[in-house]
Amino acid sequence: MNFVKVLTPNEVKVISELAYLLFPIDYAAYVRKSHIKYFLDKYQSESAITEQIESGYEYFIIKNDAATIGYIGFEIKNETLKLSKLYLNSNARGKGLGAQVMQWLKENAIQKHCANIELLVLQENKKAIRFYERLGYRKVDVFEEYFKTGYSEINNKMVQNL
């Protein structure tokens, strides 16, 4: 598996295109279409990703052999690596690749002297919660987030100490 740090406008475009492809698949069962579009436009458009990178986020294109299979995005604040995005194509799931990505992330966090990894996962996303729990993450908080669209979501905050 290969992780390509996103630095160029073309790489940013790849991330944005993956987001617009994968978000509707991943969230259609429990998030309104209008909110998915709002979220993508606000946080995963090419301009939004560029702004995030300029403010310290790191994005990586995930490749397996030569094929692009997904992407990951995170930021580091106060010795905490905050995982923001981890998305794999449907055909890359169920093969242990997600666990490999998370192992890479853990090694990256340790190299950067982080004390823990933190992430948010929608409470309805039971499959993702089980995945993170199998990797040693534990739920430390539950909170509801409100958006200006009138939509709200309940998130589990999960942490793994390093």
Foldseek 3Di string as FASTA:
>chain_A
DDWAKDDDLVSLVVQLVQLVVFQCVQPVVPDDPVVSVVCSVCCRDSVNVVVVVVVAKIKIFDDDPNHGFWIWIWGDDPLETETEDTDGHPVVPPPCVVVVVVVVVVVVSVVVRHFKYKYKDFPVNVVVVVVVVVVPKDFDDWDWDADPVRDITIITMIMDGD
